[in-house]
mmCIF file of all heavy atoms, coordinates in Angstrom:
data_MODEL
# 
_entry.id   MODEL 
# 
loop_
_atom_site.group_PDB 
_atom_site.id 
_atom_site.type_symbol 
_atom_site.label_atom_id 
_atom_site.label_alt_id 
_atom_site.label_comp_id 
_atom_site.label_asym_id 
_atom_site.label_entity_id 
_atom_site.label_seq_id 
_atom_site.pdbx_PDB_ins_code 
_atom_site.Cartn_x 
_atom_site.Cartn_y 
_atom_site.Cartn_z 
_atom_site.occupancy 
_atom_site.B_iso_or_equiv 
_atom_site.pdbx_formal_charge 
_atom_site.auth_seq_id 
_atom_site.auth_comp_id 
_atom_site.auth_asym_id 
_atom_site.auth_atom_id 
_atom_site.pdbx_PDB_model_num 
ATOM 1   N N   . ALA A 1 1  ? -4.346 16.947  -7.537  1.00 0.00 ? 1  ALA A N   1 
ATOM 2   C CA  . ALA A 1 1  ? -5.223 15.934  -8.124  1.00 0.00 ? 1  ALA A CA  1 
ATOM 3   C C   . ALA A 1 1  ? -4.725 14.530  -7.818  1.00 0.00 ? 1  ALA A C   1 
ATOM 4   O O   . ALA A 1 1  ? -5.514 13.615  -7.557  1.00 0.00 ? 1  ALA A O   1 
ATOM 5   C CB  . ALA A 1 1  ? -5.324 16.145  -9.642  1.00 0.00 ? 1  ALA A CB  1 
ATOM 6   N N   . LEU A 1 2  ? -3.402 14.349  -7.819  1.00 0.00 ? 2  LEU A N   1 
ATOM 7   C CA  . LEU A 1 2  ? -2.852 13.033  -7.499  1.00 0.00 ? 2  LEU A CA  1 
ATOM 8   C C   . LEU A 1 2  ? -3.175 12.623  -6.066  1.00 0.00 ? 2  LEU A C   1 
ATOM 9   O O   . LEU A 1 2  ? -3.394 11.448  -5.773  1.00 0.00 ? 2  LEU A O   1 
ATOM 10  C CB  . LEU A 1 2  ? -1.329 13.033  -7.697  1.00 0.00 ? 2  LEU A CB  1 
ATOM 11  C CG  . LEU A 1 2  ? -0.826 13.003  -9.147  1.00 0.00 ? 2  LEU A CG  1 
ATOM 12  C CD1 . LEU A 1 2  ? 0.678  13.199  -9.179  1.00 0.00 ? 2  LEU A CD1 1 
ATOM 13  C CD2 . LEU A 1 2  ? -1.211 11.706  -9.829  1.00 0.00 ? 2  LEU A CD2 1 
ATOM 14  N N   . LEU A 1 3  ? -3.224 13.611  -5.178  1.00 0.00 ? 3  LEU A N   1 
ATOM 15  C CA  . LEU A 1 3  ? -3.546 13.306  -3.790  1.00 0.00 ? 3  LEU A CA  1 
ATOM 16  C C   . LEU A 1 3  ? -5.020 13.029  -3.592  1.00 0.00 ? 3  LEU A C   1 
ATOM 17  O O   . LEU A 1 3  ? -5.418 12.308  -2.700  1.00 0.00 ? 3  LEU A O   1 
ATOM 18  C CB  . LEU A 1 3  ? -3.114 14.469  -2.884  1.00 0.00 ? 3  LEU A CB  1 
ATOM 19  C CG  . LEU A 1 3  ? -1.607 14.635  -2.677  1.00 0.00 ? 3  LEU A CG  1 
ATOM 20  C CD1 . LEU A 1 3  ? -1.337 15.907  -1.889  1.00 0.00 ? 3  LEU A CD1 1 
ATOM 21  C CD2 . LEU A 1 3  ? -1.015 13.441  -1.962  1.00 0.00 ? 3  LEU A CD2 1 
ATOM 22  N N   . LEU A 1 4  ? -5.864 13.620  -4.444  1.00 0.00 ? 4  LEU A N   1 
ATOM 23  C CA  . LEU A 1 4  ? -7.303 13.491  -4.257  1.00 0.00 ? 4  LEU A CA  1 
ATOM 24  C C   . LEU A 1 4  ? -7.830 12.132  -4.664  1.00 0.00 ? 4  LEU A C   1 
ATOM 25  O O   . LEU A 1 4  ? -8.760 11.614  -4.058  1.00 0.00 ? 4  LEU A O   1 
ATOM 26  C CB  . LEU A 1 4  ? -8.038 14.580  -5.052  1.00 0.00 ? 4  LEU A CB  1 
ATOM 27  C CG  . LEU A 1 4  ? -7.928 16.002  -4.498  1.00 0.00 ? 4  LEU A CG  1 
ATOM 28  C CD1 . LEU A 1 4  ? -8.659 16.970  -5.398  1.00 0.00 ? 4  LEU A CD1 1 
ATOM 29  C CD2 . LEU A 1 4  ? -8.493 16.083  -3.097  1.00 0.00 ? 4  LEU A CD2 1 
ATOM 30  N N   . VAL A 1 5  ? -7.270 11.517  -5.715  1.00 0.00 ? 5  VAL A N   1 
ATOM 31  C CA  . VAL A 1 5  ? -7.768 10.218  -6.136  1.00 0.00 ? 5  VAL A CA  1 
ATOM 32  C C   . VAL A 1 5  ? -7.135 9.143   -5.271  1.00 0.00 ? 5  VAL A C   1 
ATOM 33  O O   . VAL A 1 5  ? -6.023 9.295   -4.788  1.00 0.00 ? 5  VAL A O   1 
ATOM 34  C CB  . VAL A 1 5  ? -7.453 9.933   -7.634  1.00 0.00 ? 5  VAL A CB  1 
ATOM 35  C CG1 . VAL A 1 5  ? -8.184 10.909  -8.507  1.00 0.00 ? 5  VAL A CG1 1 
ATOM 36  C CG2 . VAL A 1 5  ? -5.966 9.993   -7.909  1.00 0.00 ? 5  VAL A CG2 1 
ATOM 37  N N   . PRO A 1 6  ? -7.849 8.033   -5.015  1.00 0.00 ? 6  PRO A N   1 
ATOM 38  C CA  . PRO A 1 6  ? -7.291 6.996   -4.154  1.00 0.00 ? 6  PRO A CA  1 
ATOM 39  C C   . PRO A 1 6  ? -6.000 6.428   -4.711  1.00 0.00 ? 6  PRO A C   1 
ATOM 40  O O   . PRO A 1 6  ? -4.965 6.503   -4.094  1.00 0.00 ? 6  PRO A O   1 
ATOM 41  C CB  . PRO A 1 6  ? -8.387 5.940   -4.107  1.00 0.00 ? 6  PRO A CB  1 
ATOM 42  C CG  . PRO A 1 6  ? -9.614 6.587   -4.616  1.00 0.00 ? 6  PRO A CG  1 
ATOM 43  C CD  . PRO A 1 6  ? -9.182 7.704   -5.492  1.00 0.00 ? 6  PRO A CD  1 
ATOM 44  N N   . ILE A 1 7  ? -6.077 5.833   -5.855  1.00 0.00 ? 7  ILE A N   1 
ATOM 45  C CA  . ILE A 1 7  ? -4.905 5.296   -6.542  1.00 0.00 ? 7  ILE A CA  1 
ATOM 46  C C   . ILE A 1 7  ? -5.218 5.344   -8.030  1.00 0.00 ? 7  ILE A C   1 
ATOM 47  O O   . ILE A 1 7  ? -6.274 4.905   -8.457  1.00 0.00 ? 7  ILE A O   1 
ATOM 48  C CB  . ILE A 1 7  ? -4.622 3.830   -6.141  1.00 0.00 ? 7  ILE A CB  1 
ATOM 49  C CG1 . ILE A 1 7  ? -4.193 3.726   -4.666  1.00 0.00 ? 7  ILE A CG1 1 
ATOM 50  C CG2 . ILE A 1 7  ? -3.552 3.225   -7.023  1.00 0.00 ? 7  ILE A CG2 1 
ATOM 51  C CD1 . ILE A 1 7  ? -2.902 4.433   -4.333  1.00 0.00 ? 7  ILE A CD1 1 
ATOM 52  N N   . SER A 1 8  ? -4.332 5.873   -8.826  1.00 0.00 ? 8  SER A N   1 
ATOM 53  C CA  . SER A 1 8  ? -4.533 5.829   -10.274 1.00 0.00 ? 8  SER A CA  1 
ATOM 54  C C   . SER A 1 8  ? -3.237 5.350   -10.911 1.00 0.00 ? 8  SER A C   1 
ATOM 55  O O   . SER A 1 8  ? -2.173 5.911   -10.677 1.00 0.00 ? 8  SER A O   1 
ATOM 56  C CB  . SER A 1 8  ? -4.923 7.205   -10.819 1.00 0.00 ? 8  SER A CB  1 
ATOM 57  O OG  . SER A 1 8  ? -3.966 8.170   -10.473 1.00 0.00 ? 8  SER A OG  1 
ATOM 58  N N   . ILE A 1 9  ? -3.346 4.281   -11.654 1.00 0.00 ? 9  ILE A N   1 
ATOM 59  C CA  . ILE A 1 9  ? -2.155 3.726   -12.292 1.00 0.00 ? 9  ILE A CA  1 
ATOM 60  C C   . ILE A 1 9  ? -1.717 4.669   -13.410 1.00 0.00 ? 9  ILE A C   1 
ATOM 61  O O   . ILE A 1 9  ? -2.486 5.010   -14.306 1.00 0.00 ? 9  ILE A O   1 
ATOM 62  C CB  . ILE A 1 9  ? -2.450 2.329   -12.865 1.00 0.00 ? 9  ILE A CB  1 
ATOM 63  C CG1 . ILE A 1 9  ? -2.912 1.392   -11.734 1.00 0.00 ? 9  ILE A CG1 1 
ATOM 64  C CG2 . ILE A 1 9  ? -1.232 1.757   -13.548 1.00 0.00 ? 9  ILE A CG2 1 
ATOM 65  C CD1 . ILE A 1 9  ? -1.892 1.200   -10.645 1.00 0.00 ? 9  ILE A CD1 1 
ATOM 66  N N   . ASN A 1 10 ? -0.476 5.127   -13.328 1.00 0.00 ? 10 ASN A N   1 
ATOM 67  C CA  . ASN A 1 10 ? 0.067  6.027   -14.343 1.00 0.00 ? 10 ASN A CA  1 
ATOM 68  C C   . ASN A 1 10 ? 1.552  5.743   -14.499 1.00 0.00 ? 10 ASN A C   1 
ATOM 69  O O   . ASN A 1 10 ? 2.081  4.798   -13.912 1.00 0.00 ? 10 ASN A O   1 
ATOM 70  C CB  . ASN A 1 10 ? -0.183 7.495   -13.947 1.00 0.00 ? 10 ASN A CB  1 
ATOM 71  C CG  . ASN A 1 10 ? 0.300  7.796   -12.533 1.00 0.00 ? 10 ASN A CG  1 
ATOM 72  O OD1 . ASN A 1 10 ? 1.380  7.355   -12.148 1.00 0.00 ? 10 ASN A OD1 1 
ATOM 73  N ND2 . ASN A 1 10 ? -0.502 8.538   -11.762 1.00 0.00 ? 10 ASN A ND2 1 
ATOM 74  N N   . SER A 1 11 ? 2.241  6.576   -15.260 1.00 0.00 ? 11 SER A N   1 
ATOM 75  C CA  . SER A 1 11 ? 3.665  6.336   -15.495 1.00 0.00 ? 11 SER A CA  1 
ATOM 76  C C   . SER A 1 11 ? 4.474  6.402   -14.204 1.00 0.00 ? 11 SER A C   1 
ATOM 77  O O   . SER A 1 11 ? 5.498  5.749   -14.066 1.00 0.00 ? 11 SER A O   1 
ATOM 78  C CB  . SER A 1 11 ? 4.200  7.372   -16.496 1.00 0.00 ? 11 SER A CB  1 
ATOM 79  O OG  . SER A 1 11 ? 3.971  8.687   -15.999 1.00 0.00 ? 11 SER A OG  1 
ATOM 80  N N   . GLN A 1 12 ? 3.965  7.192   -13.254 1.00 0.00 ? 12 GLN A N   1 
ATOM 81  C CA  . GLN A 1 12 ? 4.690  7.333   -11.999 1.00 0.00 ? 12 GLN A CA  1 
ATOM 82  C C   . GLN A 1 12 ? 4.588  6.086   -11.133 1.00 0.00 ? 12 GLN A C   1 
ATOM 83  O O   . GLN A 1 12 ? 5.508  5.744   -10.393 1.00 0.00 ? 12 GLN A O   1 
ATOM 84  C CB  . GLN A 1 12 ? 4.147  8.548   -11.237 1.00 0.00 ? 12 GLN A CB  1 
ATOM 85  C CG  . GLN A 1 12 ? 4.980  8.924   -10.022 1.00 0.00 ? 12 GLN A CG  1 
ATOM 86  C CD  . GLN A 1 12 ? 4.456  10.167  -9.347  1.00 0.00 ? 12 GLN A CD  1 
ATOM 87  O OE1 . GLN A 1 12 ? 3.387  10.650  -9.665  1.00 0.00 ? 12 GLN A OE1 1 
ATOM 88  N NE2 . GLN A 1 12 ? 5.230  10.689  -8.395  1.00 0.00 ? 12 GLN A NE2 1 
ATOM 89  N N   . THR A 1 13 ? 3.436  5.403   -11.206 1.00 0.00 ? 13 THR A N   1 
ATOM 90  C CA  . THR A 1 13 ? 3.219  4.241   -10.345 1.00 0.00 ? 13 THR A CA  1 
ATOM 91  C C   . THR A 1 13 ? 3.439  2.922   -11.062 1.00 0.00 ? 13 THR A C   1 
ATOM 92  O O   . THR A 1 13 ? 3.437  1.875   -10.419 1.00 0.00 ? 13 THR A O   1 
ATOM 93  C CB  . THR A 1 13 ? 1.784  4.258   -9.800  1.00 0.00 ? 13 THR A CB  1 
ATOM 94  O OG1 . THR A 1 13 ? 0.865  4.188   -10.898 1.00 0.00 ? 13 THR A OG1 1 
ATOM 95  C CG2 . THR A 1 13 ? 1.515  5.494   -8.974  1.00 0.00 ? 13 THR A CG2 1 
ATOM 96  N N   . SER A 1 14 ? 3.616  2.946   -12.369 1.00 0.00 ? 14 SER A N   1 
ATOM 97  C CA  . SER A 1 14 ? 3.692  1.693   -13.126 1.00 0.00 ? 14 SER A CA  1 
ATOM 98  C C   . SER A 1 14 ? 4.878  0.834   -12.714 1.00 0.00 ? 14 SER A C   1 
ATOM 99  O O   . SER A 1 14 ? 4.837  -0.387  -12.838 1.00 0.00 ? 14 SER A O   1 
ATOM 100 C CB  . SER A 1 14 ? 3.763  1.995   -14.633 1.00 0.00 ? 14 SER A CB  1 
ATOM 101 O OG  . SER A 1 14 ? 4.899  2.795   -14.920 1.00 0.00 ? 14 SER A OG  1 
ATOM 102 N N   . ASN A 1 15 ? 5.952  1.469   -12.195 1.00 0.00 ? 15 ASN A N   1 
ATOM 103 C CA  . ASN A 1 15 ? 7.114  0.702   -11.758 1.00 0.00 ? 15 ASN A CA  1 
ATOM 104 C C   . ASN A 1 15 ? 7.062  0.349   -10.276 1.00 0.00 ? 15 ASN A C   1 
ATOM 105 O O   . ASN A 1 15 ? 7.991  -0.266  -9.752  1.00 0.00 ? 15 ASN A O   1 
ATOM 106 C CB  . ASN A 1 15 ? 8.407  1.492   -12.045 1.00 0.00 ? 15 ASN A CB  1 
ATOM 107 C CG  . ASN A 1 15 ? 8.652  1.644   -13.538 1.00 0.00 ? 15 ASN A CG  1 
ATOM 108 O OD1 . ASN A 1 15 ? 8.342  0.735   -14.302 1.00 0.00 ? 15 ASN A OD1 1 
ATOM 109 N ND2 . ASN A 1 15 ? 9.203  2.779   -13.935 1.00 0.00 ? 15 ASN A ND2 1 
ATOM 110 N N   . GLN A 1 16 ? 6.004  0.772   -9.634  1.00 0.00 ? 16 GLN A N   1 
ATOM 111 C CA  . GLN A 1 16 ? 5.842  0.474   -8.212  1.00 0.00 ? 16 GLN A CA  1 
ATOM 112 C C   . GLN A 1 16 ? 4.930  -0.748  -8.104  1.00 0.00 ? 16 GLN A C   1 
ATOM 113 O O   . GLN A 1 16 ? 3.719  -0.664  -8.263  1.00 0.00 ? 16 GLN A O   1 
ATOM 114 C CB  . GLN A 1 16 ? 5.256  1.693   -7.489  1.00 0.00 ? 16 GLN A CB  1 
ATOM 115 C CG  . GLN A 1 16 ? 6.221  2.889   -7.532  1.00 0.00 ? 16 GLN A CG  1 
ATOM 116 C CD  . GLN A 1 16 ? 5.615  4.157   -6.958  1.00 0.00 ? 16 GLN A CD  1 
ATOM 117 O OE1 . GLN A 1 16 ? 4.406  4.372   -7.029  1.00 0.00 ? 16 GLN A OE1 1 
ATOM 118 N NE2 . GLN A 1 16 ? 6.458  5.007   -6.396  1.00 0.00 ? 16 GLN A NE2 1 
ATOM 119 N N   . LYS A 1 17 ? 5.542  -1.898  -7.837  1.00 0.00 ? 17 LYS A N   1 
ATOM 120 C CA  . LYS A 1 17 ? 4.837  -3.171  -7.983  1.00 0.00 ? 17 LYS A CA  1 
ATOM 121 C C   . LYS A 1 17 ? 3.705  -3.369  -6.980  1.00 0.00 ? 17 LYS A C   1 
ATOM 122 O O   . LYS A 1 17 ? 2.884  -4.267  -7.154  1.00 0.00 ? 17 LYS A O   1 
ATOM 123 C CB  . LYS A 1 17 ? 5.842  -4.325  -7.882  1.00 0.00 ? 17 LYS A CB  1 
ATOM 124 C CG  . LYS A 1 17 ? 6.812  -4.366  -9.058  1.00 0.00 ? 17 LYS A CG  1 
ATOM 125 C CD  . LYS A 1 17 ? 7.711  -5.592  -9.003  1.00 0.00 ? 17 LYS A CD  1 
ATOM 126 C CE  . LYS A 1 17 ? 8.640  -5.632  -10.210 1.00 0.00 ? 17 LYS A CE  1 
ATOM 127 N NZ  . LYS A 1 17 ? 9.533  -6.823  -10.195 1.00 0.00 ? 17 LYS A NZ  1 
ATOM 128 N N   . TRP A 1 18 ? 3.667  -2.550  -5.917  1.00 0.00 ? 18 TRP A N   1 
ATOM 129 C CA  . TRP A 1 18 ? 2.542  -2.674  -4.985  1.00 0.00 ? 18 TRP A CA  1 
ATOM 130 C C   . TRP A 1 18 ? 1.233  -2.190  -5.594  1.00 0.00 ? 18 TRP A C   1 
ATOM 131 O O   . TRP A 1 18 ? 0.175  -2.394  -5.032  1.00 0.00 ? 18 TRP A O   1 
ATOM 132 C CB  . TRP A 1 18 ? 2.840  -1.946  -3.677  1.00 0.00 ? 18 TRP A CB  1 
ATOM 133 C CG  . TRP A 1 18 ? 3.356  -0.535  -3.811  1.00 0.00 ? 18 TRP A CG  1 
ATOM 134 C CD1 . TRP A 1 18 ? 2.632  0.606   -3.790  1.00 0.00 ? 18 TRP A CD1 1 
ATOM 135 C CD2 . TRP A 1 18 ? 4.718  -0.154  -3.972  1.00 0.00 ? 18 TRP A CD2 1 
ATOM 136 N NE1 . TRP A 1 18 ? 3.450  1.692   -3.931  1.00 0.00 ? 18 TRP A NE1 1 
ATOM 137 C CE2 . TRP A 1 18 ? 4.742  1.255   -4.036  1.00 0.00 ? 18 TRP A CE2 1 
ATOM 138 C CE3 . TRP A 1 18 ? 5.925  -0.868  -4.054  1.00 0.00 ? 18 TRP A CE3 1 
ATOM 139 C CZ2 . TRP A 1 18 ? 5.933  1.975   -4.186  1.00 0.00 ? 18 TRP A CZ2 1 
ATOM 140 C CZ3 . TRP A 1 18 ? 7.088  -0.145  -4.208  1.00 0.00 ? 18 TRP A CZ3 1 
ATOM 141 C CH2 . TRP A 1 18 ? 7.102  1.250   -4.275  1.00 0.00 ? 18 TRP A CH2 1 
ATOM 142 N N   . PHE A 1 19 ? 1.309  -1.585  -6.785  1.00 0.00 ? 19 PHE A N   1 
ATOM 143 C CA  . PHE A 1 19 ? 0.092  -1.200  -7.503  1.00 0.00 ? 19 PHE A CA  1 
ATOM 144 C C   . PHE A 1 19 ? -0.262 -2.193  -8.607  1.00 0.00 ? 19 PHE A C   1 
ATOM 145 O O   . PHE A 1 19 ? -1.241 -1.993  -9.324  1.00 0.00 ? 19 PHE A O   1 
ATOM 146 C CB  . PHE A 1 19 ? 0.254  0.197   -8.116  1.00 0.00 ? 19 PHE A CB  1 
ATOM 147 C CG  . PHE A 1 19 ? 0.381  1.282   -7.093  1.00 0.00 ? 19 PHE A CG  1 
ATOM 148 C CD1 . PHE A 1 19 ? 1.507  2.101   -7.061  1.00 0.00 ? 19 PHE A CD1 1 
ATOM 149 C CD2 . PHE A 1 19 ? -0.610 1.482   -6.152  1.00 0.00 ? 19 PHE A CD2 1 
ATOM 150 C CE1 . PHE A 1 19 ? 1.632  3.100   -6.117  1.00 0.00 ? 19 PHE A CE1 1 
ATOM 151 C CE2 . PHE A 1 19 ? -0.487 2.482   -5.204  1.00 0.00 ? 19 PHE A CE2 1 
ATOM 152 C CZ  . PHE A 1 19 ? 0.633  3.297   -5.181  1.00 0.00 ? 19 PHE A CZ  1 
ATOM 153 N N   . ASP A 1 20 ? 0.494  -3.258  -8.728  1.00 0.00 ? 20 ASP A N   1 
ATOM 154 C CA  . ASP A 1 20 ? 0.276  -4.258  -9.778  1.00 0.00 ? 20 ASP A CA  1 
ATOM 155 C C   . ASP A 1 20 ? -0.787 -5.260  -9.312  1.00 0.00 ? 20 ASP A C   1 
ATOM 156 O O   . ASP A 1 20 ? -0.509 -6.147  -8.504  1.00 0.00 ? 20 ASP A O   1 
ATOM 157 C CB  . ASP A 1 20 ? 1.595  -4.973  -10.095 1.00 0.00 ? 20 ASP A CB  1 
ATOM 158 C CG  . ASP A 1 20 ? 1.472  -5.945  -11.263 1.00 0.00 ? 20 ASP A CG  1 
ATOM 159 O OD1 . ASP A 1 20 ? 0.336  -6.193  -11.729 1.00 0.00 ? 20 ASP A OD1 1 
ATOM 160 O OD2 . ASP A 1 20 ? 2.515  -6.467  -11.702 1.00 0.00 ? 20 ASP A OD2 1 
ATOM 161 N N   . THR A 1 21 ? -1.993 -5.127  -9.836  1.00 0.00 ? 21 THR A N   1 
ATOM 162 C CA  . THR A 1 21 ? -3.112 -5.961  -9.377  1.00 0.00 ? 21 THR A CA  1 
ATOM 163 C C   . THR A 1 21 ? -3.032 -7.396  -9.884  1.00 0.00 ? 21 THR A C   1 
ATOM 164 O O   . THR A 1 21 ? -3.860 -8.224  -9.493  1.00 0.00 ? 21 THR A O   1 
ATOM 165 C CB  . THR A 1 21 ? -4.449 -5.339  -9.808  1.00 0.00 ? 21 THR A CB  1 
ATOM 166 O OG1 . THR A 1 21 ? -4.461 -5.189  -11.233 1.00 0.00 ? 21 THR A OG1 1 
ATOM 167 C CG2 . THR A 1 21 ? -4.670 -3.993  -9.144  1.00 0.00 ? 21 THR A CG2 1 
ATOM 168 N N   . THR A 1 22 ? -2.055 -7.699  -10.741 1.00 0.00 ? 22 THR A N   1 
ATOM 169 C CA  . THR A 1 22 ? -1.899 -9.094  -11.173 1.00 0.00 ? 22 THR A CA  1 
ATOM 170 C C   . THR A 1 22 ? -1.161 -9.916  -10.112 1.00 0.00 ? 22 THR A C   1 
ATOM 171 O O   . THR A 1 22 ? -1.148 -11.144 -10.176 1.00 0.00 ? 22 THR A O   1 
ATOM 172 C CB  . THR A 1 22 ? -1.122 -9.188  -12.501 1.00 0.00 ? 22 THR A CB  1 
ATOM 173 O OG1 . THR A 1 22 ? 0.222  -8.726  -12.314 1.00 0.00 ? 22 THR A OG1 1 
ATOM 174 C CG2 . THR A 1 22 ? -1.807 -8.340  -13.579 1.00 0.00 ? 22 THR A CG2 1 
ATOM 175 N N   . LEU A 1 23 ? -0.541 -9.243  -9.153  1.00 0.00 ? 23 LEU A N   1 
ATOM 176 C CA  . LEU A 1 23 ? 0.153  -9.922  -8.070  1.00 0.00 ? 23 LEU A CA  1 
ATOM 177 C C   . LEU A 1 23 ? -0.778 -10.122 -6.884  1.00 0.00 ? 23 LEU A C   1 
ATOM 178 O O   . LEU A 1 23 ? -1.795 -9.437  -6.753  1.00 0.00 ? 23 LEU A O   1 
ATOM 179 C CB  . LEU A 1 23 ? 1.378  -9.106  -7.628  1.00 0.00 ? 23 LEU A CB  1 
ATOM 180 C CG  . LEU A 1 23 ? 2.435  -8.798  -8.694  1.00 0.00 ? 23 LEU A CG  1 
ATOM 181 C CD1 . LEU A 1 23 ? 3.536  -7.915  -8.119  1.00 0.00 ? 23 LEU A CD1 1 
ATOM 182 C CD2 . LEU A 1 23 ? 3.030  -10.095 -9.249  1.00 0.00 ? 23 LEU A CD2 1 
ATOM 183 N N   . SER A 1 24 ? -0.424 -11.031 -6.000  1.00 0.00 ? 24 SER A N   1 
ATOM 184 C CA  . SER A 1 24 ? -1.220 -11.238 -4.791  1.00 0.00 ? 24 SER A CA  1 
ATOM 185 C C   . SER A 1 24 ? -1.008 -10.075 -3.831  1.00 0.00 ? 24 SER A C   1 
ATOM 186 O O   . SER A 1 24 ? -0.030 -9.322  -3.938  1.00 0.00 ? 24 SER A O   1 
ATOM 187 C CB  . SER A 1 24 ? -0.823 -12.548 -4.112  1.00 0.00 ? 24 SER A CB  1 
ATOM 188 O OG  . SER A 1 24 ? 0.487  -12.439 -3.563  1.00 0.00 ? 24 SER A OG  1 
ATOM 189 N N   . HIS A 1 25 ? -1.929 -9.937  -2.886  1.00 0.00 ? 25 HIS A N   1 
ATOM 190 C CA  . HIS A 1 25 ? -1.765 -8.893  -1.878  1.00 0.00 ? 25 HIS A CA  1 
ATOM 191 C C   . HIS A 1 25 ? -0.436 -9.044  -1.147  1.00 0.00 ? 25 HIS A C   1 
ATOM 192 O O   . HIS A 1 25 ? 0.276  -8.056  -0.903  1.00 0.00 ? 25 HIS A O   1 
ATOM 193 C CB  . HIS A 1 25 ? -2.912 -8.947  -0.865  1.00 0.00 ? 25 HIS A CB  1 
ATOM 194 C CG  . HIS A 1 25 ? -4.217 -8.467  -1.403  1.00 0.00 ? 25 HIS A CG  1 
ATOM 195 N ND1 . HIS A 1 25 ? -5.422 -8.795  -0.838  1.00 0.00 ? 25 HIS A ND1 1 
ATOM 196 C CD2 . HIS A 1 25 ? -4.506 -7.674  -2.457  1.00 0.00 ? 25 HIS A CD2 1 
ATOM 197 C CE1 . HIS A 1 25 ? -6.400 -8.234  -1.515  1.00 0.00 ? 25 HIS A CE1 1 
ATOM 198 N NE2 . HIS A 1 25 ? -5.868 -7.555  -2.514  1.00 0.00 ? 25 HIS A NE2 1 
ATOM 199 N N   . GLU A 1 26 ? -0.094 -10.270 -0.787  1.00 0.00 ? 26 GLU A N   1 
ATOM 200 C CA  . GLU A 1 26 ? 1.142  -10.502 -0.048  1.00 0.00 ? 26 GLU A CA  1 
ATOM 201 C C   . GLU A 1 26 ? 2.365  -10.084 -0.858  1.00 0.00 ? 26 GLU A C   1 
ATOM 202 O O   . GLU A 1 26 ? 3.296  -9.460  -0.322  1.00 0.00 ? 26 GLU A O   1 
ATOM 203 C CB  . GLU A 1 26 ? 1.258  -11.983 0.346   1.00 0.00 ? 26 GLU A CB  1 
ATOM 204 C CG  . GLU A 1 26 ? 0.304  -12.429 1.448   1.00 0.00 ? 26 GLU A CG  1 
ATOM 205 C CD  . GLU A 1 26 ? -1.126 -12.648 0.946   1.00 0.00 ? 26 GLU A CD  1 
ATOM 206 O OE1 . GLU A 1 26 ? -1.344 -12.569 -0.283  1.00 0.00 ? 26 GLU A OE1 1 
ATOM 207 O OE2 . GLU A 1 26 ? -2.006 -12.885 1.785   1.00 0.00 ? 26 GLU A OE2 1 
ATOM 208 N N   . GLU A 1 27 ? 2.373  -10.421 -2.156  1.00 0.00 ? 27 GLU A N   1 
ATOM 209 C CA  . GLU A 1 27 ? 3.506  -10.046 -3.003  1.00 0.00 ? 27 GLU A CA  1 
ATOM 210 C C   . GLU A 1 27 ? 3.609  -8.533  -3.136  1.00 0.00 ? 27 GLU A C   1 
ATOM 211 O O   . GLU A 1 27 ? 4.707  -7.953  -3.071  1.00 0.00 ? 27 GLU A O   1 
ATOM 212 C CB  . GLU A 1 27 ? 3.360  -10.686 -4.386  1.00 0.00 ? 27 GLU A CB  1 
ATOM 213 C CG  . GLU A 1 27 ? 3.533  -12.197 -4.393  1.00 0.00 ? 27 GLU A CG  1 
ATOM 214 C CD  . GLU A 1 27 ? 3.196  -12.818 -5.740  1.00 0.00 ? 27 GLU A CD  1 
ATOM 215 O OE1 . GLU A 1 27 ? 2.183  -12.400 -6.363  1.00 0.00 ? 27 GLU A OE1 1 
ATOM 216 O OE2 . GLU A 1 27 ? 3.938  -13.712 -6.171  1.00 0.00 ? 27 GLU A OE2 1 
ATOM 217 N N   . ARG A 1 28 ? 2.483  -7.882  -3.320  1.00 0.00 ? 28 ARG A N   1 
ATOM 218 C CA  . ARG A 1 28 ? 2.474  -6.423  -3.483  1.00 0.00 ? 28 ARG A CA  1 
ATOM 219 C C   . ARG A 1 28 ? 2.983  -5.740  -2.215  1.00 0.00 ? 28 ARG A C   1 
ATOM 220 O O   . ARG A 1 28 ? 3.767  -4.784  -2.272  1.00 0.00 ? 28 ARG A O   1 
ATOM 221 C CB  . ARG A 1 28 ? 1.063  -5.945  -3.828  1.00 0.00 ? 28 ARG A CB  1 
ATOM 222 C CG  . ARG A 1 28 ? 0.579  -6.450  -5.185  1.00 0.00 ? 28 ARG A CG  1 
ATOM 223 C CD  . ARG A 1 28 ? -0.916 -6.250  -5.350  1.00 0.00 ? 28 ARG A CD  1 
ATOM 224 N NE  . ARG A 1 28 ? -1.274 -4.852  -5.457  1.00 0.00 ? 28 ARG A NE  1 
ATOM 225 C CZ  . ARG A 1 28 ? -2.535 -4.402  -5.530  1.00 0.00 ? 28 ARG A CZ  1 
ATOM 226 N NH1 . ARG A 1 28 ? -3.539 -5.270  -5.492  1.00 0.00 ? 28 ARG A NH1 1 
ATOM 227 N NH2 . ARG A 1 28 ? -2.773 -3.113  -5.641  1.00 0.00 ? 28 ARG A NH2 1 
ATOM 228 N N   . ILE A 1 29 ? 2.545  -6.249  -1.068  1.00 0.00 ? 29 ILE A N   1 
ATOM 229 C CA  . ILE A 1 29 ? 2.953  -5.648  0.200   1.00 0.00 ? 29 ILE A CA  1 
ATOM 230 C C   . ILE A 1 29 ? 4.441  -5.872  0.441   1.00 0.00 ? 29 ILE A C   1 
ATOM 231 O O   . ILE A 1 29 ? 5.148  -4.972  0.933   1.00 0.00 ? 29 ILE A O   1 
ATOM 232 C CB  . ILE A 1 29 ? 2.108  -6.217  1.357   1.00 0.00 ? 29 ILE A CB  1 
ATOM 233 C CG1 . ILE A 1 29 ? 0.656  -5.764  1.208   1.00 0.00 ? 29 ILE A CG1 1 
ATOM 234 C CG2 . ILE A 1 29 ? 2.658  -5.772  2.710   1.00 0.00 ? 29 ILE A CG2 1 
ATOM 235 C CD1 . ILE A 1 29 ? -0.314 -6.475  2.124   1.00 0.00 ? 29 ILE A CD1 1 
ATOM 236 N N   . ASP A 1 30 ? 4.940  -7.049  0.088   1.00 0.00 ? 30 ASP A N   1 
ATOM 237 C CA  . ASP A 1 30 ? 6.378  -7.309  0.237   1.00 0.00 ? 30 ASP A CA  1 
ATOM 238 C C   . ASP A 1 30 ? 7.197  -6.305  -0.577  1.00 0.00 ? 30 ASP A C   1 
ATOM 239 O O   . ASP A 1 30 ? 8.217  -5.787  -0.094  1.00 0.00 ? 30 ASP A O   1 
ATOM 240 C CB  . ASP A 1 30 ? 6.713  -8.735  -0.202  1.00 0.00 ? 30 ASP A CB  1 
ATOM 241 C CG  . ASP A 1 30 ? 6.221  -9.788  0.790   1.00 0.00 ? 30 ASP A CG  1 
ATOM 242 O OD1 . ASP A 1 30 ? 5.966  -9.429  1.955   1.00 0.00 ? 30 ASP A OD1 1 
ATOM 243 O OD2 . ASP A 1 30 ? 6.082  -10.964 0.383   1.00 0.00 ? 30 ASP A OD2 1 
# 
């Protein structure tokens, strides 16, 4: 199920800042 959805913010991704939509694209990619 995790592979089927594009991106879902959860406890696993909450510490991965590239999923933080409050940051700019450039910051997330860095």
